[in-house]
Amino acid sequence: MRSPREVVERLVEGVSHVRWDELPGLYAEDAVVMHPLDRAGPLTGREALRRHFAAAAGRLPSLVAAEVRTGPASG
């Protein structure tokens, strides 16, 4: 099992290196993801995430994370 930090690092790597097909596997089969920039509502399940990332592959610009810092949540 990966740590939360490892999962976030793999997610950032996948987005930065345009490996959209690898990203759904980082989520639980029954994951519910509420994306802050997507007004369509939550993505429920790994298959919904697979469709989301496949669609993103064709419309998003290249994204590269130059520096990622993790720490305890605040708020």
C-alpha atoms as a PDB file:
ATOM      1  CA  MET A   1       0.000   0.000   0.000  1.00  0.00           C
ATOM      2  CA  ARG A   2       1.292   3.447  -0.914  1.00  0.00           C
ATOM      3  CA  SER A   3       1.389   6.337   1.511  1.00  0.00           C
ATOM      4  CA  PRO A   4      -0.789   9.376   0.744  1.00  0.00           C
ATOM      5  CA  ARG A   5       2.373  11.295  -0.149  1.00  0.00           C
ATOM      6  CA  GLU A   6       3.429   8.596  -2.646  1.00  0.00           C
ATOM      7  CA  VAL A   7      -0.015   8.660  -4.257  1.00  0.00           C
ATOM      8  CA  VAL A   8       0.104  12.450  -4.678  1.00  0.00           C
ATOM      9  CA  GLU A   9       3.627  12.224  -6.105  1.00  0.00           C
ATOM     10  CA  ARG A  10       2.488   9.586  -8.626  1.00  0.00           C
ATOM     11  CA  LEU A  11      -0.523  11.716  -9.538  1.00  0.00           C
ATOM     12  CA  VAL A  12       1.668  14.779 -10.150  1.00  0.00           C
ATOM     13  CA  GLU A  13       4.125  12.674 -12.193  1.00  0.00           C
ATOM     14  CA  GLY A  14       1.311  11.181 -14.256  1.00  0.00           C
ATOM     15  CA  VAL A  15      -0.147  14.578 -15.087  1.00  0.00           C
ATOM     16  CA  SER A  16       3.275  16.136 -15.741  1.00  0.00           C
ATOM     17  CA  HIS A  17       4.343  13.300 -18.051  1.00  0.00           C
ATOM     18  CA  VAL A  18       0.964  12.946 -19.805  1.00  0.00           C
ATOM     19  CA  ARG A  19       0.359   9.413 -18.516  1.00  0.00           C
ATOM     20  CA  TRP A  20      -3.393   9.853 -18.181  1.00  0.00           C
ATOM     21  CA  ASP A  21      -4.093   6.131 -18.497  1.00  0.00           C
ATOM     22  CA  GLU A  22      -2.144   5.400 -15.267  1.00  0.00           C
ATOM     23  CA  LEU A  23      -4.025   7.866 -13.082  1.00  0.00           C
ATOM     24  CA  PRO A  24      -7.316   6.012 -12.422  1.00  0.00           C
ATOM     25  CA  GLY A  25      -5.346   3.160 -10.835  1.00  0.00           C
ATOM     26  CA  LEU A  26      -4.250   5.517  -8.067  1.00  0.00           C
ATOM     27  CA  TYR A  27      -7.847   5.713  -6.824  1.00  0.00           C
ATOM     28  CA  ALA A  28     -10.032   3.184  -5.010  1.00  0.00           C
ATOM     29  CA  GLU A  29     -12.607   1.415  -7.188  1.00  0.00           C
ATOM     30  CA  ASP A  30     -15.404   3.285  -5.360  1.00  0.00           C
ATOM     31  CA  ALA A  31     -13.619   6.653  -5.048  1.00  0.00           C
ATOM     32  CA  VAL A  32     -15.636   9.869  -5.025  1.00  0.00           C
ATOM     33  CA  VAL A  33     -13.637  12.837  -6.305  1.00  0.00           C
ATOM     34  CA  MET A  34     -14.857  16.405  -6.111  1.00  0.00           C
ATOM     35  CA  HIS A  35     -12.672  18.433  -8.438  1.00  0.00           C
ATOM     36  CA  PRO A  36     -12.602  22.115  -7.426  1.00  0.00           C
ATOM     37  CA  LEU A  37     -12.616  23.335 -11.037  1.00  0.00           C
ATOM     38  CA  ASP A  38     -15.257  20.951 -12.401  1.00  0.00           C
ATOM     39  CA  ARG A  39     -18.801  22.202 -11.869  1.00  0.00           C
ATOM     40  CA  ALA A  40     -20.335  18.995 -13.225  1.00  0.00           C
ATOM     41  CA  GLY A  41     -20.330  17.384  -9.783  1.00  0.00           C
ATOM     42  CA  PRO A  42     -18.363  14.571  -8.204  1.00  0.00           C
ATOM     43  CA  LEU A  43     -16.690  11.795 -10.167  1.00  0.00           C
ATOM     44  CA  THR A  44     -17.847   8.493  -8.688  1.00  0.00           C
ATOM     45  CA  GLY A  45     -15.883   5.316  -9.290  1.00  0.00           C
ATOM     46  CA  ARG A  46     -12.692   4.443 -11.103  1.00  0.00           C
ATOM     47  CA  GLU A  47     -14.464   4.154 -14.476  1.00  0.00           C
ATOM     48  CA  ALA A  48     -15.739   7.752 -14.200  1.00  0.00           C
ATOM     49  CA  LEU A  49     -12.178   8.823 -13.408  1.00  0.00           C
ATOM     50  CA  ARG A  50     -10.892   6.883 -16.411  1.00  0.00           C
ATOM     51  CA  ARG A  51     -13.336   8.755 -18.685  1.00  0.00           C
ATOM     52  CA  HIS A  52     -12.421  12.077 -17.036  1.00  0.00           C
ATOM     53  CA  PHE A  53      -8.687  11.593 -17.577  1.00  0.00           C
ATOM     54  CA  ALA A  54      -9.204  10.332 -21.144  1.00  0.00           C
ATOM     55  CA  ALA A  55     -11.149  13.493 -21.960  1.00  0.00           C
ATOM     56  CA  ALA A  56      -8.499  15.637 -20.268  1.00  0.00           C
ATOM     57  CA  ALA A  57      -5.809  14.094 -22.457  1.00  0.00           C
ATOM     58  CA  GLY A  58      -7.264  15.782 -25.507  1.00  0.00           C
ATOM     59  CA  ARG A  59      -8.036  19.199 -24.092  1.00  0.00           C
ATOM     60  CA  LEU A  60      -5.527  20.180 -21.419  1.00  0.00           C
ATOM     61  CA  PRO A  61      -2.256  21.941 -22.120  1.00  0.00           C
ATOM     62  CA  SER A  62       0.980  20.377 -21.010  1.00  0.00           C
ATOM     63  CA  LEU A  63       1.370  20.757 -17.251  1.00  0.00           C
ATOM     64  CA  VAL A  64       4.638  20.390 -15.388  1.00  0.00           C
ATOM     65  CA  ALA A  65       5.060  20.515 -11.631  1.00  0.00           C
ATOM     66  CA  ALA A  66       8.341  22.229 -10.886  1.00  0.00           C
ATOM     67  CA  GLU A  67       8.116  22.059  -7.115  1.00  0.00           C
ATOM     68  CA  VAL A  68       5.645  20.167  -4.975  1.00  0.00           C
ATOM     69  CA  ARG A  69       5.511  20.572  -1.232  1.00  0.00           C
ATOM     70  CA  THR A  70       3.440  18.455   1.076  1.00  0.00           C
ATOM     71  CA  GLY A  71       2.598  18.960   4.677  1.00  0.00           C
ATOM     72  CA  PRO A  72      -0.242  18.755   7.146  1.00  0.00           C
ATOM     73  CA  ALA A  73      -3.591  20.113   6.049  1.00  0.00           C
ATOM     74  CA  SER A  74      -4.559  23.449   7.476  1.00  0.00           C
ATOM     75  CA  GLY A  75      -7.835  25.072   7.846  1.00  0.00           C
END
